[in-house]
N, C-alpha and C. Protein backbone atom coordinates (compact mmCIF):
# COMPACT_ATOMS: atom_id res chain seq x y z
N MET A 1 0.71 -0.97 0.00
CA MET A 1 -0.04 0.12 0.10
C MET A 1 0.89 1.32 0.03
N VAL A 2 0.74 2.04 -0.93
CA VAL A 2 1.50 3.52 -1.09
C VAL A 2 0.77 4.44 -0.03
N TYR A 3 1.80 4.99 0.79
CA TYR A 3 1.16 5.98 1.77
C TYR A 3 1.62 7.37 1.24
N PHE A 4 2.92 7.51 0.59
CA PHE A 4 3.16 8.75 0.21
C PHE A 4 4.11 8.55 -1.12
N GLN A 5 3.77 9.56 -1.97
CA GLN A 5 4.61 9.40 -3.40
C GLN A 5 4.72 10.62 -4.11
N THR A 6 5.84 10.83 -4.22
CA THR A 6 6.30 12.20 -5.07
C THR A 6 7.42 11.92 -6.09
N ASP A 7 8.01 13.08 -6.60
CA ASP A 7 9.05 12.71 -7.46
C ASP A 7 10.34 12.36 -6.81
N TYR A 8 10.40 12.77 -5.47
CA TYR A 8 11.76 12.40 -4.87
C TYR A 8 11.63 11.25 -3.66
N LEU A 9 10.35 10.81 -3.36
CA LEU A 9 10.38 9.64 -2.46
C LEU A 9 9.18 8.98 -2.44
N LEU A 10 9.26 7.78 -2.39
CA LEU A 10 8.02 6.82 -2.18
C LEU A 10 8.24 5.97 -0.74
N LEU A 11 6.95 6.22 -0.07
CA LEU A 11 6.84 5.29 1.30
C LEU A 11 5.59 4.23 0.93
N GLU A 12 5.96 2.86 1.12
CA GLU A 12 5.12 2.11 0.86
C GLU A 12 5.23 1.06 1.87
N TYR A 13 3.95 0.42 2.43
CA TYR A 13 3.98 -0.66 3.42
C TYR A 13 3.72 -2.04 2.76
N HIS A 14 4.19 -2.79 2.97
CA HIS A 14 3.92 -4.19 2.20
C HIS A 14 3.30 -5.13 3.33
N VAL A 15 1.92 -5.09 3.46
CA VAL A 15 1.12 -5.69 4.58
C VAL A 15 1.58 -6.96 4.93
N ALA A 16 1.57 -7.98 3.72
CA ALA A 16 1.75 -9.26 4.05
C ALA A 16 3.04 -9.76 4.93
N SER A 17 4.29 -8.84 4.47
CA SER A 17 5.42 -9.13 4.95
C SER A 17 5.73 -8.13 5.92
N GLN A 18 4.99 -7.04 6.27
CA GLN A 18 5.15 -6.28 7.45
C GLN A 18 6.39 -5.21 7.03
N VAL A 19 6.73 -4.96 5.84
CA VAL A 19 8.05 -4.24 5.58
C VAL A 19 7.43 -2.52 4.91
N LEU A 20 8.08 -1.92 5.74
CA LEU A 20 8.05 -0.46 5.40
C LEU A 20 9.20 -0.18 4.40
N LEU A 21 8.87 0.31 3.25
CA LEU A 21 10.01 0.64 2.15
C LEU A 21 9.94 2.44 1.93
N SER A 22 10.97 2.83 2.04
CA SER A 22 11.37 4.36 1.98
C SER A 22 12.32 4.44 0.68
N GLN A 23 11.91 4.84 -0.40
CA GLN A 23 12.77 4.70 -1.62
C GLN A 23 13.08 6.26 -2.26
N TRP A 24 14.23 6.66 -2.00
CA TRP A 24 14.39 8.18 -2.47
C TRP A 24 14.68 7.93 -4.03
N TYR A 25 14.15 8.85 -4.94
CA TYR A 25 14.18 9.07 -6.35
C TYR A 25 15.27 10.20 -6.63
N GLY A 26 15.39 11.05 -5.80
CA GLY A 26 16.07 12.25 -6.12
C GLY A 26 16.14 13.42 -5.14
N LYS A 27 16.74 14.59 -5.49
CA LYS A 27 16.91 15.79 -4.81
C LYS A 27 15.64 16.56 -4.51
N CYS A 28 15.51 16.88 -3.34
CA CYS A 28 14.38 17.83 -3.01
C CYS A 28 14.77 18.98 -2.14
N SER A 29 14.14 19.84 -1.74
CA SER A 29 14.37 20.95 -0.91
C SER A 29 14.60 20.35 0.67
N SER A 30 15.20 21.21 1.22
CA SER A 30 15.37 20.90 2.69
C SER A 30 14.11 20.67 3.55
N LEU A 31 13.01 21.58 3.35
CA LEU A 31 11.75 21.36 3.96
C LEU A 31 11.02 19.95 3.62
N GLN A 32 11.22 19.75 2.13
CA GLN A 32 10.62 18.46 1.81
C GLN A 32 11.29 17.53 2.22
N TYR A 33 12.58 17.25 2.34
CA TYR A 33 13.31 16.20 3.06
C TYR A 33 13.06 16.04 4.47
N ARG A 34 12.98 17.02 5.16
CA ARG A 34 12.64 16.82 6.87
C ARG A 34 11.21 16.31 6.79
N GLN A 35 10.27 17.01 6.12
CA GLN A 35 8.77 16.67 6.31
C GLN A 35 8.72 15.27 5.96
N ALA A 36 9.36 14.86 4.91
CA ALA A 36 9.13 13.30 4.41
C ALA A 36 9.73 12.29 5.45
N LEU A 37 11.02 12.70 6.05
CA LEU A 37 11.33 11.70 7.23
C LEU A 37 10.45 11.80 8.30
N ILE A 38 9.72 12.82 8.65
CA ILE A 38 8.96 13.09 9.87
C ILE A 38 7.71 12.20 9.59
N ARG A 39 7.10 12.26 8.27
CA ARG A 39 6.14 11.37 7.78
C ARG A 39 6.56 9.95 8.13
N LEU A 40 7.71 9.41 7.78
CA LEU A 40 8.33 8.06 7.65
C LEU A 40 8.20 7.46 9.17
N ILE A 41 8.72 8.65 9.99
CA ILE A 41 8.57 8.25 11.59
C ILE A 41 7.21 8.05 12.05
N ARG A 42 6.37 9.01 11.69
CA ARG A 42 5.14 8.82 12.25
C ARG A 42 4.28 7.46 11.73
N LEU A 43 4.57 7.14 10.27
CA LEU A 43 3.83 6.18 9.67
C LEU A 43 4.61 4.87 10.38
N ALA A 44 5.67 5.01 10.60
CA ALA A 44 6.39 3.43 11.22
C ALA A 44 5.62 3.29 12.55
N ARG A 45 5.53 4.31 13.41
CA ARG A 45 4.92 4.23 14.69
C ARG A 45 3.38 3.91 14.88
N GLU A 46 2.74 4.44 13.62
CA GLU A 46 1.31 4.13 13.62
C GLU A 46 0.96 2.70 13.22
N LEU A 47 1.80 2.23 12.23
CA LEU A 47 1.72 0.90 11.84
C LEU A 47 2.39 -0.29 12.67
N GLU A 48 3.08 0.45 13.56
CA GLU A 48 4.04 -0.67 14.43
C GLU A 48 4.73 -1.55 13.63
N VAL A 49 5.78 -0.86 12.79
CA VAL A 49 6.14 -1.85 11.54
C VAL A 49 7.33 -2.52 12.27
N PRO A 50 7.48 -3.87 12.08
CA PRO A 50 8.78 -4.36 12.41
C PRO A 50 10.02 -4.43 11.52
N TYR A 51 9.71 -4.37 10.36
CA TYR A 51 10.92 -4.23 9.40
C TYR A 51 10.80 -3.18 8.50
N ALA A 52 11.84 -2.54 8.20
CA ALA A 52 12.21 -1.18 7.37
C ALA A 52 13.43 -1.44 6.32
N ILE A 53 13.10 -0.75 5.21
CA ILE A 53 14.14 -0.84 4.12
C ILE A 53 14.29 0.69 4.00
N MET A 54 15.34 1.19 4.05
CA MET A 54 15.90 2.78 3.53
C MET A 54 16.49 2.48 2.26
N ASP A 55 15.82 2.88 1.18
CA ASP A 55 16.55 2.81 -0.10
C ASP A 55 17.07 4.42 -0.45
N SER A 56 18.38 4.45 -0.03
CA SER A 56 18.87 5.69 -0.31
C SER A 56 19.90 5.89 -1.35
N ARG A 57 19.76 4.88 -2.16
CA ARG A 57 20.78 4.85 -3.46
C ARG A 57 20.80 6.19 -4.28
N LEU A 58 19.74 6.72 -4.35
CA LEU A 58 19.77 8.09 -5.35
C LEU A 58 19.68 9.16 -4.44
N LEU A 59 19.94 8.93 -3.06
CA LEU A 59 20.08 10.21 -2.21
C LEU A 59 21.24 11.12 -2.68
N THR A 60 21.36 12.23 -2.87
CA THR A 60 22.46 13.08 -2.83
C THR A 60 22.94 13.53 -1.57
N SER A 61 24.21 14.11 -1.29
CA SER A 61 24.92 14.28 -0.11
C SER A 61 24.09 15.68 0.38
N LEU A 62 23.85 15.71 1.72
CA LEU A 62 22.99 16.77 2.35
C LEU A 62 23.67 18.05 2.62
N HIS A 63 23.10 19.10 2.95
CA HIS A 63 23.27 20.38 3.15
C HIS A 63 23.92 20.19 4.70
N PRO A 64 25.06 21.06 5.25
CA PRO A 64 25.33 20.63 6.62
C PRO A 64 24.20 20.89 7.71
N ASP A 65 23.19 21.65 7.39
CA ASP A 65 22.17 21.94 8.22
C ASP A 65 21.15 20.66 8.38
N ASP A 66 21.02 20.15 7.28
CA ASP A 66 20.28 18.81 7.23
C ASP A 66 21.02 17.63 7.74
N MET A 67 22.32 17.70 7.27
CA MET A 67 23.04 16.51 7.89
C MET A 67 22.92 16.53 9.42
N ALA A 68 23.01 17.88 10.17
CA ALA A 68 22.84 18.09 11.69
C ALA A 68 21.42 17.44 12.14
N TRP A 69 20.51 17.91 11.65
CA TRP A 69 19.01 17.63 11.56
C TRP A 69 18.80 16.15 11.68
N THR A 70 19.32 15.43 10.55
CA THR A 70 19.33 13.95 10.34
C THR A 70 19.86 13.42 11.64
N ARG A 71 21.06 13.70 11.91
CA ARG A 71 21.82 13.28 13.11
C ARG A 71 21.07 13.47 14.47
N ASP A 72 20.56 14.63 14.51
CA ASP A 72 20.34 15.00 16.05
C ASP A 72 18.71 14.75 16.21
N VAL A 73 17.88 14.62 15.11
CA VAL A 73 16.48 14.49 15.40
C VAL A 73 16.07 13.35 14.76
N TYR A 74 16.15 13.18 13.28
CA TYR A 74 15.87 11.91 12.69
C TYR A 74 16.26 10.51 13.18
N ALA A 75 17.52 10.50 13.05
CA ALA A 75 18.42 9.29 13.65
C ALA A 75 17.81 8.73 15.01
N GLN A 76 17.80 9.94 15.89
CA GLN A 76 17.35 9.41 17.32
C GLN A 76 15.98 8.99 17.38
N ALA A 77 15.22 9.50 16.60
CA ALA A 77 13.63 9.18 16.50
C ALA A 77 13.34 7.76 15.75
N PHE A 78 14.44 7.45 14.97
CA PHE A 78 14.43 6.30 14.07
C PHE A 78 14.76 5.11 14.94
N LYS A 79 15.84 5.31 15.90
CA LYS A 79 16.32 4.19 16.54
C LYS A 79 15.20 3.85 17.79
N GLN A 80 14.22 4.65 17.99
CA GLN A 80 13.05 4.29 19.20
C GLN A 80 11.98 3.75 18.39
N LEU A 81 12.06 3.51 17.11
CA LEU A 81 10.89 2.68 16.31
C LEU A 81 10.89 1.30 17.01
N PRO A 82 9.85 0.64 17.04
CA PRO A 82 9.46 -0.59 17.24
C PRO A 82 9.96 -1.65 16.17
N LEU A 83 11.12 -1.36 15.67
CA LEU A 83 11.67 -2.17 14.57
C LEU A 83 12.30 -3.48 15.24
N LYS A 84 12.31 -4.75 14.44
CA LYS A 84 13.08 -5.89 14.70
C LYS A 84 14.44 -5.80 14.07
N ARG A 85 14.18 -5.47 12.74
CA ARG A 85 15.13 -5.33 11.87
C ARG A 85 15.16 -4.22 10.76
N SER A 86 16.13 -3.60 10.30
CA SER A 86 16.18 -2.36 9.23
C SER A 86 17.28 -2.77 8.28
N ALA A 87 17.14 -2.51 6.95
CA ALA A 87 18.02 -2.88 5.71
C ALA A 87 18.15 -1.34 5.34
N SER A 88 19.24 -1.07 4.87
CA SER A 88 19.43 0.08 4.16
C SER A 88 20.32 -0.23 3.03
N LEU A 89 19.94 0.56 2.06
CA LEU A 89 20.66 0.32 0.57
C LEU A 89 21.56 1.31 0.51
N THR A 90 23.03 1.36 0.22
CA THR A 90 24.11 2.24 0.29
C THR A 90 24.12 3.21 -0.93
N PRO A 91 23.97 4.52 -0.69
CA PRO A 91 23.88 5.56 -1.67
C PRO A 91 24.94 5.49 -2.56
N PHE A 92 24.48 5.53 -3.93
CA PHE A 92 25.55 5.83 -5.15
C PHE A 92 26.63 7.02 -5.09
N ASP A 93 26.20 8.16 -4.12
CA ASP A 93 26.92 9.15 -4.40
C ASP A 93 27.89 9.06 -3.05
N PRO A 94 29.15 8.97 -3.37
CA PRO A 94 30.23 8.62 -2.15
C PRO A 94 30.11 9.65 -1.05
N ALA A 95 29.96 10.81 -1.39
CA ALA A 95 29.61 11.87 -0.09
C ALA A 95 28.47 11.67 0.79
N ALA A 96 27.25 11.35 -0.01
CA ALA A 96 26.15 10.78 0.72
C ALA A 96 26.28 9.55 1.44
N HIS A 97 27.17 8.58 0.63
CA HIS A 97 27.35 7.39 1.64
C HIS A 97 28.08 7.69 3.09
N ARG A 98 29.15 8.45 2.78
CA ARG A 98 29.92 9.04 4.01
C ARG A 98 28.98 9.53 5.15
N GLN A 99 28.09 10.45 4.79
CA GLN A 99 27.30 10.97 5.51
C GLN A 99 26.27 10.08 6.04
N PHE A 100 25.81 9.01 5.46
CA PHE A 100 24.85 8.01 6.11
C PHE A 100 25.52 7.29 7.00
N GLN A 101 26.75 7.03 6.88
CA GLN A 101 27.56 6.11 7.82
C GLN A 101 27.96 6.97 9.12
N GLN A 102 28.05 8.19 9.07
CA GLN A 102 28.34 9.08 10.09
C GLN A 102 27.03 9.25 10.95
N VAL A 103 25.72 9.08 10.37
CA VAL A 103 24.68 9.28 11.02
C VAL A 103 24.11 8.04 11.86
N PHE A 104 24.19 6.64 10.85
CA PHE A 104 23.52 5.60 11.32
C PHE A 104 24.38 4.33 11.53
N ILE A 105 25.83 4.67 11.41
CA ILE A 105 26.86 3.68 11.82
C ILE A 105 27.50 4.18 13.11
N ASN A 106 26.97 4.33 14.28
CA ASN A 106 27.35 4.96 15.48
C ASN A 106 27.53 3.74 16.61
N ARG A 107 28.60 3.48 16.66
CA ARG A 107 28.99 2.14 17.68
C ARG A 107 28.78 2.67 19.03
N ASN A 108 28.88 4.04 19.51
CA ASN A 108 28.38 4.17 20.69
C ASN A 108 26.84 4.22 21.17
N TYR A 109 26.28 4.47 20.08
CA TYR A 109 24.97 4.43 20.20
C TYR A 109 24.07 3.58 19.21
N PRO A 110 24.22 2.14 19.23
CA PRO A 110 23.58 1.38 18.31
C PRO A 110 22.19 1.28 18.37
N PRO A 111 21.31 1.09 17.36
CA PRO A 111 20.02 0.93 17.39
C PRO A 111 19.71 -0.34 18.24
N PRO A 112 18.52 -0.48 18.84
CA PRO A 112 18.20 -1.70 19.72
C PRO A 112 17.41 -2.87 18.68
N PHE A 113 17.89 -2.78 17.35
CA PHE A 113 17.43 -3.72 16.65
C PHE A 113 18.63 -3.88 15.56
N GLU A 114 18.32 -5.10 14.57
CA GLU A 114 19.36 -5.64 13.79
C GLU A 114 19.56 -4.64 12.51
N THR A 115 20.45 -4.23 12.15
CA THR A 115 20.76 -3.57 10.83
C THR A 115 21.54 -4.04 10.00
N ARG A 116 21.29 -3.93 8.76
CA ARG A 116 22.41 -4.27 7.69
C ARG A 116 22.17 -3.53 6.50
N GLU A 117 23.60 -3.30 5.71
CA GLU A 117 23.61 -2.49 4.46
C GLU A 117 23.70 -3.51 3.37
N PHE A 118 23.01 -3.09 2.35
CA PHE A 118 22.81 -3.99 0.95
C PHE A 118 23.14 -3.05 -0.08
N ASP A 119 23.32 -3.88 -1.32
CA ASP A 119 23.49 -2.90 -2.53
C ASP A 119 22.29 -3.04 -3.61
N ASP A 120 21.47 -4.04 -2.99
CA ASP A 120 20.30 -4.17 -4.03
C ASP A 120 19.04 -4.30 -3.13
N LEU A 121 17.75 -4.18 -3.53
CA LEU A 121 16.63 -4.18 -2.98
C LEU A 121 16.11 -5.63 -2.77
N THR A 122 16.45 -6.51 -3.60
CA THR A 122 15.95 -7.81 -3.35
C THR A 122 17.04 -8.46 -2.35
N SER A 123 17.94 -8.34 -2.12
CA SER A 123 18.62 -8.89 -0.97
C SER A 123 18.45 -8.14 0.19
N ALA A 124 18.14 -6.97 0.46
CA ALA A 124 17.53 -6.42 1.73
C ALA A 124 16.11 -6.98 1.79
N TYR A 125 15.35 -6.99 1.02
CA TYR A 125 13.83 -7.65 1.31
C TYR A 125 14.01 -9.04 1.81
N ASP A 126 14.80 -9.98 1.17
CA ASP A 126 14.97 -11.21 1.30
C ASP A 126 15.47 -11.38 2.62
N TRP A 127 16.36 -10.52 3.26
CA TRP A 127 17.07 -10.79 4.57
C TRP A 127 16.11 -10.36 5.70
N LEU A 128 15.09 -9.28 5.25
CA LEU A 128 14.28 -8.88 6.38
C LEU A 128 13.18 -9.99 6.63
N ILE A 129 12.62 -10.54 5.50
CA ILE A 129 11.48 -11.39 5.53
C ILE A 129 12.18 -13.05 5.99
N SER A 130 13.43 -13.15 5.93
CA SER A 130 14.09 -14.44 6.10
C SER A 130 13.69 -14.79 7.83
N GLU A 131 13.38 -13.72 8.67
CA GLU A 131 13.28 -13.80 9.82
C GLU A 131 11.99 -14.45 10.33
N GLN A 132 11.05 -14.22 9.50
CA GLN A 132 9.44 -14.67 9.90
C GLN A 132 9.29 -16.00 9.49
């Protein structure tokens, strides 16, 4: 079921497998970026999703202000979701990939659920549902 779709992001929930998919398609404004991530957090809480895929392959590097917001606000809220597993797809943009790792690969404050990085959507989805 599609919950949100624009030219820069798709938020889709697969009811049968209980997987929430966020798939970035391209660049957007700072306001659009933040509002989309807030929407993702709210949806994940509302649906109590156990599995999530963040497909950031087409996401470009973030402005320093958005990077700080992602680290200080979004990442903290994401780590509090009722997830069992979260899969992420590595951004193609090397700068965006470094930023992603700075935010989500924090050994001092790891999420309370399993996480793993993948290069393709099929592998990520298969890993998530393999637990079921």
